[in-house]
N, C-alpha and C. Protein backbone atom coordinates (compact mmCIF):
# COMPACT_ATOMS: atom_id res chain seq x y z
N MET A 1 40.85 -6.53 1.92
CA MET A 1 41.41 -5.20 2.03
C MET A 1 41.27 -4.70 3.47
N ASP A 2 42.31 -4.07 4.00
CA ASP A 2 42.26 -3.55 5.36
C ASP A 2 41.38 -2.31 5.40
N PRO A 3 40.90 -1.92 6.60
CA PRO A 3 39.99 -0.77 6.69
C PRO A 3 40.55 0.52 6.09
N ALA A 4 41.84 0.78 6.30
CA ALA A 4 42.42 2.01 5.76
C ALA A 4 42.39 2.01 4.23
N GLY A 5 42.73 0.87 3.63
CA GLY A 5 42.70 0.77 2.17
C GLY A 5 41.29 0.88 1.64
N TRP A 6 40.34 0.24 2.33
CA TRP A 6 38.93 0.31 1.93
C TRP A 6 38.44 1.75 1.97
N LEU A 7 38.79 2.48 3.05
CA LEU A 7 38.34 3.85 3.20
C LEU A 7 38.92 4.74 2.10
N LYS A 8 40.18 4.54 1.77
CA LYS A 8 40.82 5.34 0.73
C LYS A 8 40.16 5.07 -0.62
N GLU A 9 39.85 3.82 -0.89
CA GLU A 9 39.27 3.46 -2.18
C GLU A 9 37.84 3.95 -2.32
N ARG A 10 37.04 3.78 -1.26
CA ARG A 10 35.61 4.09 -1.36
C ARG A 10 35.28 5.56 -1.10
N LEU A 11 36.04 6.20 -0.21
CA LEU A 11 35.71 7.58 0.16
C LEU A 11 36.85 8.57 -0.09
N GLY A 12 37.95 8.09 -0.63
CA GLY A 12 39.06 8.98 -0.95
C GLY A 12 39.64 9.66 0.26
N CYS A 13 39.65 8.96 1.39
CA CYS A 13 40.06 9.58 2.66
C CYS A 13 41.07 8.70 3.37
N SER A 14 42.01 9.31 4.04
CA SER A 14 42.99 8.57 4.85
C SER A 14 43.10 9.23 6.21
N PHE A 15 43.62 8.47 7.18
CA PHE A 15 43.73 8.95 8.55
C PHE A 15 45.19 9.15 8.94
N ALA A 16 45.46 10.27 9.60
CA ALA A 16 46.76 10.46 10.22
C ALA A 16 46.85 9.66 11.50
N ASP A 17 45.73 9.58 12.23
CA ASP A 17 45.66 8.84 13.48
C ASP A 17 44.81 7.59 13.27
N ALA A 18 45.46 6.46 13.05
CA ALA A 18 44.75 5.21 12.76
C ALA A 18 43.86 4.77 13.91
N ARG A 19 44.16 5.25 15.13
CA ARG A 19 43.35 4.86 16.29
C ARG A 19 41.94 5.40 16.17
N LEU A 20 41.77 6.57 15.57
CA LEU A 20 40.44 7.13 15.38
C LEU A 20 39.62 6.27 14.43
N LEU A 21 40.25 5.80 13.37
CA LEU A 21 39.55 4.92 12.44
C LEU A 21 39.13 3.63 13.13
N ALA A 22 40.02 3.05 13.91
CA ALA A 22 39.70 1.81 14.63
C ALA A 22 38.55 2.03 15.60
N GLN A 23 38.56 3.15 16.29
CA GLN A 23 37.49 3.43 17.25
C GLN A 23 36.16 3.62 16.53
N ALA A 24 36.17 4.30 15.39
CA ALA A 24 34.94 4.53 14.63
C ALA A 24 34.30 3.23 14.18
N LEU A 25 35.09 2.20 14.00
CA LEU A 25 34.60 0.92 13.51
C LEU A 25 34.33 -0.08 14.63
N THR A 26 34.39 0.37 15.88
CA THR A 26 34.22 -0.52 17.03
C THR A 26 32.86 -0.32 17.70
N HIS A 27 32.05 -1.34 17.67
CA HIS A 27 30.71 -1.29 18.26
C HIS A 27 30.79 -1.41 19.78
N ARG A 28 29.78 -0.89 20.46
CA ARG A 28 29.77 -0.92 21.93
C ARG A 28 29.77 -2.33 22.49
N SER A 29 29.38 -3.32 21.70
CA SER A 29 29.37 -4.70 22.19
C SER A 29 30.78 -5.23 22.42
N VAL A 30 31.79 -4.52 21.90
CA VAL A 30 33.19 -4.95 22.08
C VAL A 30 33.71 -4.51 23.44
N GLY A 31 33.31 -3.33 23.89
CA GLY A 31 33.82 -2.81 25.16
C GLY A 31 33.65 -1.32 25.26
N PRO A 32 34.21 -0.71 26.30
CA PRO A 32 34.02 0.72 26.54
C PRO A 32 34.71 1.63 25.51
N ALA A 33 35.76 1.17 24.87
CA ALA A 33 36.44 1.99 23.86
C ALA A 33 35.75 1.79 22.52
N ASN A 34 34.54 2.34 22.41
CA ASN A 34 33.72 2.10 21.22
C ASN A 34 33.42 3.40 20.47
N ASN A 35 32.53 3.32 19.49
CA ASN A 35 32.32 4.46 18.59
C ASN A 35 31.15 5.36 18.96
N GLU A 36 30.56 5.21 20.14
CA GLU A 36 29.36 5.97 20.48
C GLU A 36 29.60 7.47 20.53
N ARG A 37 30.70 7.90 21.12
CA ARG A 37 30.98 9.35 21.18
C ARG A 37 31.26 9.91 19.79
N LEU A 38 31.98 9.15 18.97
CA LEU A 38 32.23 9.59 17.60
C LEU A 38 30.94 9.64 16.80
N GLU A 39 30.04 8.72 17.08
CA GLU A 39 28.73 8.73 16.42
C GLU A 39 27.98 10.03 16.74
N PHE A 40 28.01 10.42 18.01
CA PHE A 40 27.37 11.66 18.43
C PHE A 40 27.93 12.86 17.66
N LEU A 41 29.24 12.90 17.55
CA LEU A 41 29.89 14.01 16.84
C LEU A 41 29.58 13.96 15.35
N GLY A 42 29.68 12.78 14.78
CA GLY A 42 29.44 12.63 13.35
C GLY A 42 28.02 12.98 12.95
N ASP A 43 27.07 12.66 13.81
CA ASP A 43 25.68 13.02 13.55
C ASP A 43 25.54 14.53 13.40
N ALA A 44 26.19 15.27 14.30
CA ALA A 44 26.12 16.73 14.25
C ALA A 44 26.82 17.28 13.01
N VAL A 45 27.98 16.72 12.67
CA VAL A 45 28.72 17.17 11.49
C VAL A 45 27.91 16.91 10.22
N LEU A 46 27.35 15.71 10.11
CA LEU A 46 26.54 15.37 8.93
C LEU A 46 25.33 16.29 8.81
N SER A 47 24.68 16.53 9.94
CA SER A 47 23.50 17.38 9.93
C SER A 47 23.85 18.78 9.42
N PHE A 48 24.97 19.31 9.89
CA PHE A 48 25.39 20.64 9.44
C PHE A 48 25.75 20.65 7.96
N VAL A 49 26.57 19.69 7.54
CA VAL A 49 27.03 19.68 6.15
C VAL A 49 25.85 19.47 5.19
N VAL A 50 24.94 18.58 5.54
CA VAL A 50 23.78 18.34 4.67
C VAL A 50 22.89 19.58 4.63
N ALA A 51 22.72 20.26 5.77
CA ALA A 51 21.96 21.50 5.79
C ALA A 51 22.60 22.53 4.85
N GLU A 52 23.92 22.62 4.88
CA GLU A 52 24.65 23.54 4.02
C GLU A 52 24.45 23.18 2.55
N MET A 53 24.55 21.88 2.23
CA MET A 53 24.36 21.43 0.85
C MET A 53 22.96 21.76 0.35
N LEU A 54 21.97 21.50 1.19
CA LEU A 54 20.58 21.76 0.80
C LEU A 54 20.30 23.25 0.67
N PHE A 55 20.85 24.03 1.57
CA PHE A 55 20.67 25.48 1.53
C PHE A 55 21.16 26.04 0.20
N ASN A 56 22.30 25.54 -0.27
CA ASN A 56 22.87 26.02 -1.53
C ASN A 56 22.15 25.44 -2.75
N ALA A 57 21.67 24.21 -2.63
CA ALA A 57 21.05 23.54 -3.78
C ALA A 57 19.60 23.94 -4.01
N HIS A 58 18.93 24.40 -2.94
CA HIS A 58 17.50 24.73 -3.05
C HIS A 58 17.24 26.14 -2.49
N PRO A 59 17.65 27.17 -3.23
CA PRO A 59 17.54 28.54 -2.71
C PRO A 59 16.11 29.01 -2.47
N LYS A 60 15.13 28.35 -3.07
CA LYS A 60 13.73 28.79 -2.91
C LYS A 60 12.95 27.92 -1.92
N ALA A 61 13.58 26.90 -1.37
CA ALA A 61 12.89 26.00 -0.45
C ALA A 61 12.65 26.67 0.89
N SER A 62 11.52 26.36 1.50
CA SER A 62 11.21 26.90 2.83
C SER A 62 11.99 26.14 3.89
N GLU A 63 11.95 26.66 5.12
CA GLU A 63 12.61 25.97 6.24
C GLU A 63 12.04 24.57 6.42
N GLY A 64 10.72 24.44 6.35
CA GLY A 64 10.10 23.12 6.52
C GLY A 64 10.51 22.15 5.43
N GLU A 65 10.59 22.63 4.21
CA GLU A 65 11.00 21.77 3.09
C GLU A 65 12.45 21.33 3.25
N LEU A 66 13.31 22.27 3.64
CA LEU A 66 14.72 21.93 3.86
C LEU A 66 14.85 20.90 4.98
N SER A 67 14.05 21.03 6.02
CA SER A 67 14.10 20.09 7.14
C SER A 67 13.68 18.69 6.69
N ARG A 68 12.65 18.62 5.85
CA ARG A 68 12.21 17.30 5.35
C ARG A 68 13.27 16.69 4.46
N TYR A 69 13.89 17.51 3.62
CA TYR A 69 14.97 17.00 2.78
C TYR A 69 16.10 16.44 3.64
N ARG A 70 16.49 17.21 4.63
CA ARG A 70 17.61 16.77 5.49
C ARG A 70 17.26 15.49 6.23
N ALA A 71 16.04 15.43 6.78
CA ALA A 71 15.62 14.23 7.51
C ALA A 71 15.66 13.00 6.61
N SER A 72 15.29 13.18 5.35
CA SER A 72 15.32 12.07 4.41
C SER A 72 16.74 11.59 4.14
N LEU A 73 17.66 12.53 4.00
CA LEU A 73 19.04 12.18 3.64
C LEU A 73 19.82 11.55 4.79
N VAL A 74 19.55 11.99 6.03
CA VAL A 74 20.37 11.51 7.15
C VAL A 74 19.59 10.58 8.08
N SER A 75 18.47 10.04 7.61
CA SER A 75 17.72 9.09 8.43
C SER A 75 18.55 7.83 8.65
N GLY A 76 18.20 7.08 9.69
CA GLY A 76 18.91 5.83 9.95
C GLY A 76 18.82 4.86 8.79
N ASP A 77 17.66 4.79 8.17
CA ASP A 77 17.48 3.88 7.03
C ASP A 77 18.37 4.29 5.87
N ALA A 78 18.40 5.60 5.58
CA ALA A 78 19.20 6.08 4.45
C ALA A 78 20.69 5.84 4.69
N LEU A 79 21.18 6.19 5.88
CA LEU A 79 22.61 6.00 6.17
C LEU A 79 22.96 4.52 6.24
N GLY A 80 22.05 3.71 6.77
CA GLY A 80 22.29 2.27 6.81
C GLY A 80 22.43 1.69 5.42
N ALA A 81 21.57 2.15 4.50
CA ALA A 81 21.64 1.67 3.12
C ALA A 81 22.95 2.08 2.46
N ILE A 82 23.38 3.31 2.71
CA ILE A 82 24.64 3.78 2.15
C ILE A 82 25.81 2.95 2.68
N ALA A 83 25.81 2.72 4.00
CA ALA A 83 26.89 1.95 4.61
C ALA A 83 26.92 0.53 4.06
N LEU A 84 25.74 -0.05 3.82
CA LEU A 84 25.68 -1.40 3.25
C LEU A 84 26.27 -1.42 1.85
N GLU A 85 25.94 -0.42 1.05
CA GLU A 85 26.48 -0.32 -0.31
C GLU A 85 28.01 -0.18 -0.29
N LEU A 86 28.52 0.52 0.71
CA LEU A 86 29.97 0.74 0.81
C LEU A 86 30.72 -0.51 1.28
N GLY A 87 29.98 -1.46 1.86
CA GLY A 87 30.64 -2.64 2.44
C GLY A 87 31.22 -2.36 3.81
N LEU A 88 30.66 -1.40 4.51
CA LEU A 88 31.18 -1.01 5.83
C LEU A 88 31.11 -2.15 6.84
N GLY A 89 30.07 -2.96 6.76
CA GLY A 89 29.89 -4.03 7.73
C GLY A 89 31.06 -4.98 7.83
N ALA A 90 31.75 -5.20 6.72
CA ALA A 90 32.88 -6.13 6.71
C ALA A 90 34.05 -5.64 7.55
N HIS A 91 34.06 -4.35 7.90
CA HIS A 91 35.18 -3.78 8.64
C HIS A 91 34.83 -3.43 10.08
N LEU A 92 33.61 -3.73 10.50
CA LEU A 92 33.20 -3.43 11.87
C LEU A 92 33.78 -4.43 12.86
N ARG A 93 34.09 -3.95 14.05
CA ARG A 93 34.47 -4.80 15.16
C ARG A 93 33.26 -4.95 16.06
N LEU A 94 32.74 -6.17 16.14
CA LEU A 94 31.52 -6.45 16.89
C LEU A 94 31.79 -7.51 17.94
N GLY A 95 31.02 -7.45 19.05
CA GLY A 95 31.08 -8.49 20.05
C GLY A 95 30.53 -9.79 19.50
N GLU A 96 30.81 -10.88 20.18
CA GLU A 96 30.42 -12.20 19.69
C GLU A 96 28.91 -12.30 19.47
N GLY A 97 28.12 -11.75 20.39
CA GLY A 97 26.67 -11.82 20.26
C GLY A 97 26.16 -11.10 19.03
N GLU A 98 26.70 -9.91 18.78
CA GLU A 98 26.28 -9.15 17.61
C GLU A 98 26.72 -9.83 16.31
N LEU A 99 27.89 -10.44 16.34
CA LEU A 99 28.34 -11.17 15.15
C LEU A 99 27.40 -12.32 14.81
N LYS A 100 27.02 -13.07 15.84
CA LYS A 100 26.15 -14.22 15.62
C LYS A 100 24.77 -13.81 15.15
N SER A 101 24.32 -12.62 15.57
CA SER A 101 22.97 -12.18 15.20
C SER A 101 22.95 -11.35 13.91
N GLY A 102 24.09 -11.28 13.21
CA GLY A 102 24.15 -10.57 11.94
C GLY A 102 24.25 -9.07 12.07
N GLY A 103 24.89 -8.60 13.14
CA GLY A 103 25.00 -7.17 13.38
C GLY A 103 25.71 -6.41 12.28
N GLN A 104 26.60 -7.08 11.55
CA GLN A 104 27.33 -6.40 10.49
C GLN A 104 26.43 -6.03 9.31
N ARG A 105 25.18 -6.53 9.32
CA ARG A 105 24.22 -6.19 8.26
C ARG A 105 23.03 -5.38 8.79
N ARG A 106 23.01 -5.11 10.09
CA ARG A 106 21.88 -4.41 10.68
C ARG A 106 21.97 -2.92 10.39
N ALA A 107 20.88 -2.37 9.86
CA ALA A 107 20.88 -0.97 9.41
C ALA A 107 21.26 0.00 10.51
N SER A 108 20.75 -0.21 11.72
CA SER A 108 21.02 0.73 12.80
C SER A 108 22.50 0.75 13.17
N ILE A 109 23.12 -0.42 13.22
CA ILE A 109 24.55 -0.50 13.55
C ILE A 109 25.39 0.13 12.43
N LEU A 110 25.02 -0.15 11.18
CA LEU A 110 25.75 0.41 10.05
C LEU A 110 25.62 1.93 10.00
N ALA A 111 24.41 2.44 10.25
CA ALA A 111 24.21 3.89 10.23
C ALA A 111 25.02 4.57 11.32
N ASP A 112 25.02 3.98 12.51
CA ASP A 112 25.78 4.55 13.62
C ASP A 112 27.27 4.57 13.30
N ALA A 113 27.76 3.50 12.70
CA ALA A 113 29.19 3.42 12.36
C ALA A 113 29.56 4.44 11.29
N LEU A 114 28.65 4.66 10.34
CA LEU A 114 28.94 5.65 9.31
C LEU A 114 29.02 7.05 9.91
N GLU A 115 28.11 7.36 10.82
CA GLU A 115 28.19 8.65 11.52
C GLU A 115 29.48 8.76 12.31
N ALA A 116 29.86 7.67 12.99
CA ALA A 116 31.11 7.67 13.75
C ALA A 116 32.31 7.91 12.84
N LEU A 117 32.26 7.34 11.66
CA LEU A 117 33.34 7.51 10.70
C LEU A 117 33.47 8.97 10.29
N VAL A 118 32.35 9.63 10.05
CA VAL A 118 32.38 11.05 9.70
C VAL A 118 32.93 11.87 10.88
N GLY A 119 32.52 11.51 12.08
CA GLY A 119 33.04 12.19 13.26
C GLY A 119 34.54 12.01 13.40
N ALA A 120 35.03 10.82 13.11
CA ALA A 120 36.46 10.56 13.19
C ALA A 120 37.23 11.34 12.13
N VAL A 121 36.68 11.42 10.92
CA VAL A 121 37.32 12.21 9.86
C VAL A 121 37.41 13.68 10.28
N TYR A 122 36.34 14.18 10.89
CA TYR A 122 36.32 15.57 11.35
C TYR A 122 37.45 15.82 12.37
N LEU A 123 37.59 14.91 13.33
CA LEU A 123 38.64 15.09 14.34
C LEU A 123 40.04 14.95 13.74
N ASP A 124 40.17 14.05 12.80
CA ASP A 124 41.49 13.75 12.24
C ASP A 124 41.92 14.76 11.19
N ARG A 125 40.97 15.18 10.34
CA ARG A 125 41.33 15.99 9.18
C ARG A 125 40.65 17.36 9.11
N GLY A 126 39.64 17.56 9.95
CA GLY A 126 38.96 18.85 9.95
C GLY A 126 37.66 18.86 9.16
N LEU A 127 37.00 20.01 9.21
CA LEU A 127 35.67 20.13 8.62
C LEU A 127 35.67 19.97 7.10
N ASP A 128 36.67 20.49 6.42
CA ASP A 128 36.69 20.39 4.96
C ASP A 128 36.76 18.92 4.52
N ALA A 129 37.56 18.13 5.21
CA ALA A 129 37.66 16.72 4.86
C ALA A 129 36.35 15.99 5.17
N ALA A 130 35.74 16.32 6.30
CA ALA A 130 34.45 15.71 6.64
C ALA A 130 33.38 16.11 5.64
N ARG A 131 33.42 17.36 5.20
CA ARG A 131 32.47 17.84 4.19
C ARG A 131 32.66 17.05 2.88
N ALA A 132 33.91 16.85 2.49
CA ALA A 132 34.18 16.11 1.25
C ALA A 132 33.64 14.68 1.33
N VAL A 133 33.78 14.04 2.48
CA VAL A 133 33.25 12.69 2.66
C VAL A 133 31.72 12.72 2.57
N ALA A 134 31.10 13.67 3.24
CA ALA A 134 29.64 13.76 3.22
C ALA A 134 29.13 14.00 1.80
N VAL A 135 29.79 14.85 1.06
CA VAL A 135 29.38 15.11 -0.33
C VAL A 135 29.51 13.84 -1.16
N ARG A 136 30.58 13.12 -0.96
CA ARG A 136 30.77 11.88 -1.71
C ARG A 136 29.69 10.85 -1.37
N LEU A 137 29.28 10.83 -0.10
CA LEU A 137 28.27 9.88 0.33
C LEU A 137 26.87 10.26 -0.15
N LEU A 138 26.57 11.56 -0.17
CA LEU A 138 25.17 11.98 -0.27
C LEU A 138 24.81 12.83 -1.49
N GLN A 139 25.79 13.28 -2.26
CA GLN A 139 25.48 14.20 -3.36
C GLN A 139 24.49 13.60 -4.35
N GLN A 140 24.70 12.36 -4.75
CA GLN A 140 23.79 11.75 -5.73
C GLN A 140 22.37 11.65 -5.19
N ARG A 141 22.25 11.25 -3.93
CA ARG A 141 20.92 11.16 -3.32
C ARG A 141 20.27 12.53 -3.21
N LEU A 142 21.07 13.55 -2.92
CA LEU A 142 20.52 14.91 -2.86
C LEU A 142 20.02 15.33 -4.24
N ASP A 143 20.77 15.01 -5.27
CA ASP A 143 20.38 15.38 -6.63
C ASP A 143 19.09 14.68 -7.06
N GLU A 144 18.83 13.50 -6.49
CA GLU A 144 17.67 12.71 -6.89
C GLU A 144 16.47 12.87 -5.96
N LEU A 145 16.52 13.82 -5.03
CA LEU A 145 15.42 14.00 -4.10
C LEU A 145 14.13 14.34 -4.85
N PRO A 146 13.00 13.75 -4.43
CA PRO A 146 11.71 14.14 -5.02
C PRO A 146 11.25 15.47 -4.44
N GLY A 147 10.05 15.90 -4.80
CA GLY A 147 9.51 17.12 -4.23
C GLY A 147 9.34 16.99 -2.73
N ALA A 148 9.42 18.11 -2.02
CA ALA A 148 9.37 18.08 -0.55
C ALA A 148 8.08 17.45 -0.04
N ALA A 149 6.97 17.69 -0.71
CA ALA A 149 5.69 17.14 -0.25
C ALA A 149 5.70 15.63 -0.26
N GLU A 150 6.43 15.03 -1.20
CA GLU A 150 6.49 13.57 -1.30
C GLU A 150 7.32 12.96 -0.18
N LEU A 151 8.09 13.77 0.52
CA LEU A 151 8.95 13.26 1.58
C LEU A 151 8.26 13.21 2.94
N LYS A 152 7.05 13.72 3.02
CA LYS A 152 6.32 13.61 4.28
C LYS A 152 6.06 12.14 4.57
N ASP A 153 6.32 11.72 5.81
CA ASP A 153 6.11 10.32 6.14
C ASP A 153 4.62 10.01 6.23
N ALA A 154 4.32 8.72 6.28
CA ALA A 154 2.92 8.28 6.23
C ALA A 154 2.11 8.81 7.41
N LYS A 155 2.70 8.81 8.60
CA LYS A 155 1.97 9.31 9.78
C LYS A 155 1.61 10.79 9.62
N THR A 156 2.55 11.57 9.11
CA THR A 156 2.29 12.99 8.90
C THR A 156 1.20 13.19 7.86
N ARG A 157 1.28 12.46 6.75
CA ARG A 157 0.27 12.62 5.70
C ARG A 157 -1.11 12.20 6.19
N LEU A 158 -1.17 11.11 6.97
CA LEU A 158 -2.46 10.67 7.50
C LEU A 158 -3.02 11.70 8.48
N GLN A 159 -2.16 12.21 9.36
CA GLN A 159 -2.61 13.21 10.32
C GLN A 159 -3.14 14.46 9.62
N GLU A 160 -2.42 14.92 8.60
CA GLU A 160 -2.87 16.10 7.87
C GLU A 160 -4.20 15.84 7.16
N TRP A 161 -4.35 14.61 6.66
CA TRP A 161 -5.59 14.28 5.95
C TRP A 161 -6.78 14.32 6.89
N VAL A 162 -6.69 13.65 8.04
CA VAL A 162 -7.85 13.60 8.94
C VAL A 162 -8.13 14.97 9.56
N GLN A 163 -7.08 15.71 9.90
CA GLN A 163 -7.28 17.04 10.49
C GLN A 163 -7.89 18.00 9.47
N GLY A 164 -7.48 17.86 8.22
CA GLY A 164 -8.00 18.74 7.18
C GLY A 164 -9.47 18.52 6.90
N ARG A 165 -10.00 17.37 7.34
CA ARG A 165 -11.41 17.06 7.13
C ARG A 165 -12.21 17.02 8.42
N GLY A 166 -11.59 17.49 9.48
CA GLY A 166 -12.30 17.64 10.74
C GLY A 166 -12.45 16.37 11.56
N PHE A 167 -11.70 15.33 11.23
CA PHE A 167 -11.77 14.09 11.99
C PHE A 167 -10.74 14.10 13.12
N GLY A 168 -10.95 13.22 14.10
CA GLY A 168 -9.99 13.10 15.18
C GLY A 168 -8.70 12.44 14.72
N LEU A 169 -7.65 12.61 15.52
CA LEU A 169 -6.33 12.07 15.15
C LEU A 169 -6.34 10.54 15.17
N PRO A 170 -5.53 9.92 14.32
CA PRO A 170 -5.41 8.47 14.35
C PRO A 170 -4.87 7.99 15.70
N ASP A 171 -5.29 6.81 16.10
CA ASP A 171 -4.83 6.23 17.36
C ASP A 171 -3.88 5.07 17.04
N TYR A 172 -2.71 5.06 17.67
CA TYR A 172 -1.73 4.00 17.46
C TYR A 172 -1.57 3.19 18.74
N LYS A 173 -1.65 1.88 18.62
CA LYS A 173 -1.56 1.01 19.79
C LYS A 173 -0.63 -0.16 19.48
N VAL A 174 0.33 -0.38 20.40
CA VAL A 174 1.21 -1.54 20.26
C VAL A 174 0.46 -2.78 20.70
N LEU A 175 0.32 -3.73 19.79
CA LEU A 175 -0.41 -4.96 20.08
C LEU A 175 0.50 -6.07 20.60
N GLU A 176 1.75 -6.06 20.13
CA GLU A 176 2.65 -7.16 20.51
C GLU A 176 4.10 -6.75 20.29
N ILE A 177 4.96 -7.17 21.19
CA ILE A 177 6.41 -7.03 21.03
C ILE A 177 7.01 -8.42 21.15
N SER A 178 7.74 -8.84 20.15
CA SER A 178 8.29 -10.19 20.15
C SER A 178 9.77 -10.15 19.79
N GLY A 179 10.44 -11.28 19.97
CA GLY A 179 11.85 -11.39 19.61
C GLY A 179 12.79 -11.06 20.75
N GLU A 180 14.08 -11.32 20.52
CA GLU A 180 15.11 -11.03 21.49
C GLU A 180 15.30 -9.51 21.63
N PRO A 181 15.84 -9.06 22.79
CA PRO A 181 15.99 -7.62 23.00
C PRO A 181 16.74 -6.90 21.90
N HIS A 182 17.72 -7.55 21.28
CA HIS A 182 18.51 -6.89 20.25
C HIS A 182 17.87 -7.00 18.87
N GLU A 183 16.77 -7.74 18.76
CA GLU A 183 16.13 -7.96 17.46
C GLU A 183 14.62 -8.05 17.62
N GLN A 184 14.03 -7.05 18.26
CA GLN A 184 12.61 -7.08 18.55
C GLN A 184 11.77 -6.76 17.32
N ARG A 185 10.53 -7.26 17.35
CA ARG A 185 9.54 -6.96 16.33
C ARG A 185 8.32 -6.36 17.02
N PHE A 186 7.77 -5.31 16.44
CA PHE A 186 6.62 -4.62 17.01
C PHE A 186 5.43 -4.77 16.06
N ARG A 187 4.29 -5.10 16.63
CA ARG A 187 3.05 -5.14 15.86
C ARG A 187 2.14 -4.04 16.38
N VAL A 188 1.72 -3.17 15.49
CA VAL A 188 1.00 -1.95 15.86
C VAL A 188 -0.30 -1.85 15.07
N ARG A 189 -1.31 -1.29 15.71
CA ARG A 189 -2.59 -1.03 15.06
C ARG A 189 -2.79 0.48 14.95
N CYS A 190 -3.16 0.94 13.76
CA CYS A 190 -3.52 2.33 13.51
C CYS A 190 -5.01 2.37 13.27
N ASP A 191 -5.72 3.22 14.03
CA ASP A 191 -7.18 3.23 13.99
C ASP A 191 -7.70 4.66 13.79
N VAL A 192 -8.45 4.85 12.71
CA VAL A 192 -9.18 6.11 12.50
C VAL A 192 -10.64 5.78 12.81
N SER A 193 -11.01 5.91 14.06
CA SER A 193 -12.29 5.37 14.53
C SER A 193 -13.50 6.02 13.88
N GLU A 194 -13.43 7.32 13.62
CA GLU A 194 -14.59 8.00 13.03
C GLU A 194 -14.90 7.52 11.63
N LEU A 195 -13.93 6.93 10.98
CA LEU A 195 -14.14 6.40 9.63
C LEU A 195 -14.23 4.88 9.62
N SER A 196 -14.08 4.27 10.81
CA SER A 196 -14.10 2.80 10.93
C SER A 196 -13.05 2.16 10.03
N ILE A 197 -11.89 2.78 10.00
CA ILE A 197 -10.77 2.27 9.20
C ILE A 197 -9.60 1.99 10.12
N ALA A 198 -9.02 0.82 9.99
CA ALA A 198 -7.86 0.45 10.82
C ALA A 198 -6.95 -0.47 10.02
N ALA A 199 -5.71 -0.55 10.47
CA ALA A 199 -4.75 -1.46 9.84
C ALA A 199 -3.69 -1.85 10.86
N GLU A 200 -3.16 -3.04 10.70
CA GLU A 200 -2.08 -3.53 11.55
C GLU A 200 -0.84 -3.77 10.71
N ALA A 201 0.32 -3.54 11.33
CA ALA A 201 1.58 -3.74 10.62
C ALA A 201 2.67 -4.09 11.62
N GLU A 202 3.75 -4.67 11.11
CA GLU A 202 4.90 -5.03 11.93
C GLU A 202 6.13 -4.26 11.47
N GLY A 203 7.07 -4.09 12.40
CA GLY A 203 8.32 -3.44 12.06
C GLY A 203 9.38 -3.73 13.10
N SER A 204 10.62 -3.38 12.79
CA SER A 204 11.74 -3.63 13.70
C SER A 204 11.82 -2.59 14.81
N SER A 205 10.96 -1.58 14.73
CA SER A 205 10.82 -0.58 15.81
C SER A 205 9.37 -0.15 15.84
N ARG A 206 8.99 0.46 16.96
CA ARG A 206 7.61 0.95 17.05
C ARG A 206 7.35 1.99 15.97
N ARG A 207 8.29 2.86 15.75
CA ARG A 207 8.10 3.91 14.76
C ARG A 207 7.88 3.33 13.37
N ARG A 208 8.68 2.35 12.99
CA ARG A 208 8.53 1.76 11.67
C ARG A 208 7.19 1.05 11.52
N ALA A 209 6.79 0.36 12.57
CA ALA A 209 5.49 -0.32 12.52
C ALA A 209 4.35 0.69 12.41
N GLU A 210 4.44 1.79 13.14
CA GLU A 210 3.42 2.83 13.05
C GLU A 210 3.37 3.44 11.65
N GLN A 211 4.54 3.68 11.08
CA GLN A 211 4.58 4.25 9.74
C GLN A 211 3.95 3.30 8.72
N GLU A 212 4.24 2.03 8.84
CA GLU A 212 3.69 1.05 7.90
C GLU A 212 2.18 0.93 8.07
N ALA A 213 1.71 0.94 9.32
CA ALA A 213 0.27 0.87 9.57
C ALA A 213 -0.43 2.10 9.00
N ALA A 214 0.16 3.29 9.19
CA ALA A 214 -0.41 4.52 8.64
C ALA A 214 -0.46 4.46 7.11
N SER A 215 0.59 3.91 6.51
CA SER A 215 0.63 3.77 5.05
C SER A 215 -0.50 2.86 4.56
N LEU A 216 -0.76 1.79 5.30
CA LEU A 216 -1.85 0.88 4.92
C LEU A 216 -3.20 1.57 5.03
N VAL A 217 -3.37 2.38 6.07
CA VAL A 217 -4.63 3.13 6.21
C VAL A 217 -4.80 4.11 5.05
N LEU A 218 -3.73 4.80 4.68
CA LEU A 218 -3.80 5.74 3.56
C LEU A 218 -4.18 5.03 2.26
N GLY A 219 -3.79 3.78 2.14
CA GLY A 219 -4.10 3.02 0.94
C GLY A 219 -5.45 2.32 0.98
N ASN A 220 -6.16 2.44 2.10
CA ASN A 220 -7.48 1.80 2.21
C ASN A 220 -8.45 2.41 1.20
N PRO A 221 -9.13 1.60 0.40
CA PRO A 221 -10.05 2.15 -0.63
C PRO A 221 -11.13 3.06 -0.05
N ALA A 222 -11.59 2.75 1.18
CA ALA A 222 -12.63 3.58 1.78
C ALA A 222 -12.12 4.98 2.07
N LEU A 223 -10.86 5.10 2.48
CA LEU A 223 -10.28 6.42 2.73
C LEU A 223 -9.96 7.12 1.43
N ARG A 224 -9.43 6.37 0.49
CA ARG A 224 -9.07 6.98 -0.79
C ARG A 224 -10.28 7.53 -1.52
N ALA A 225 -11.43 6.88 -1.31
CA ALA A 225 -12.65 7.34 -1.96
C ALA A 225 -13.11 8.69 -1.47
N ARG A 226 -12.66 9.07 -0.27
CA ARG A 226 -13.05 10.34 0.33
C ARG A 226 -12.13 11.50 -0.07
N ARG A 227 -11.06 11.20 -0.75
CA ARG A 227 -10.09 12.25 -1.07
C ARG A 227 -10.64 13.21 -2.14
């Protein structure tokens, strides 16, 4: 199926200007006429529309709770997973290097392309059409959101735990960076020195490795015994 047919079937959307659709699906590895500017626009449109959806769906939620909900819905991991489910990768235009390295399945590339697609819909059809696409993409996930407290990431929960008990902040240190520039792996150590608790973890970014290490520390029996 061609990209236009795929988009109509999966998102109920069509383009008056097919060039915008083509640009939204073109990664920077192809050349200068790529989707980076559309990604920037789509990120802003998604952020606004999701904020609007959450504002209406959770009238009693605080600003902080709404922010955590929004961050969960529009995170790179969440959008990458949605794009993968949609089969977006099959329609991306990638440079030879990205194709060989599996770029059509990489979460960051898929998430960026999905944002670019929303930005292109906004330019082509306006805000109402972009809103309709965002609702189709995210309504079910919004309906299934857990409580706001459960959405706090591991680093935040660990920081709140140690601060609430008068301990110093956890220390994060990058131990190793390996792999090719486009596919690096980070190994990070999280250390709560006052409790003599530490953990190491790996991830495809420093942030992910830090989050995983913090999660391991939170699960340490010695820390859990103090709760």
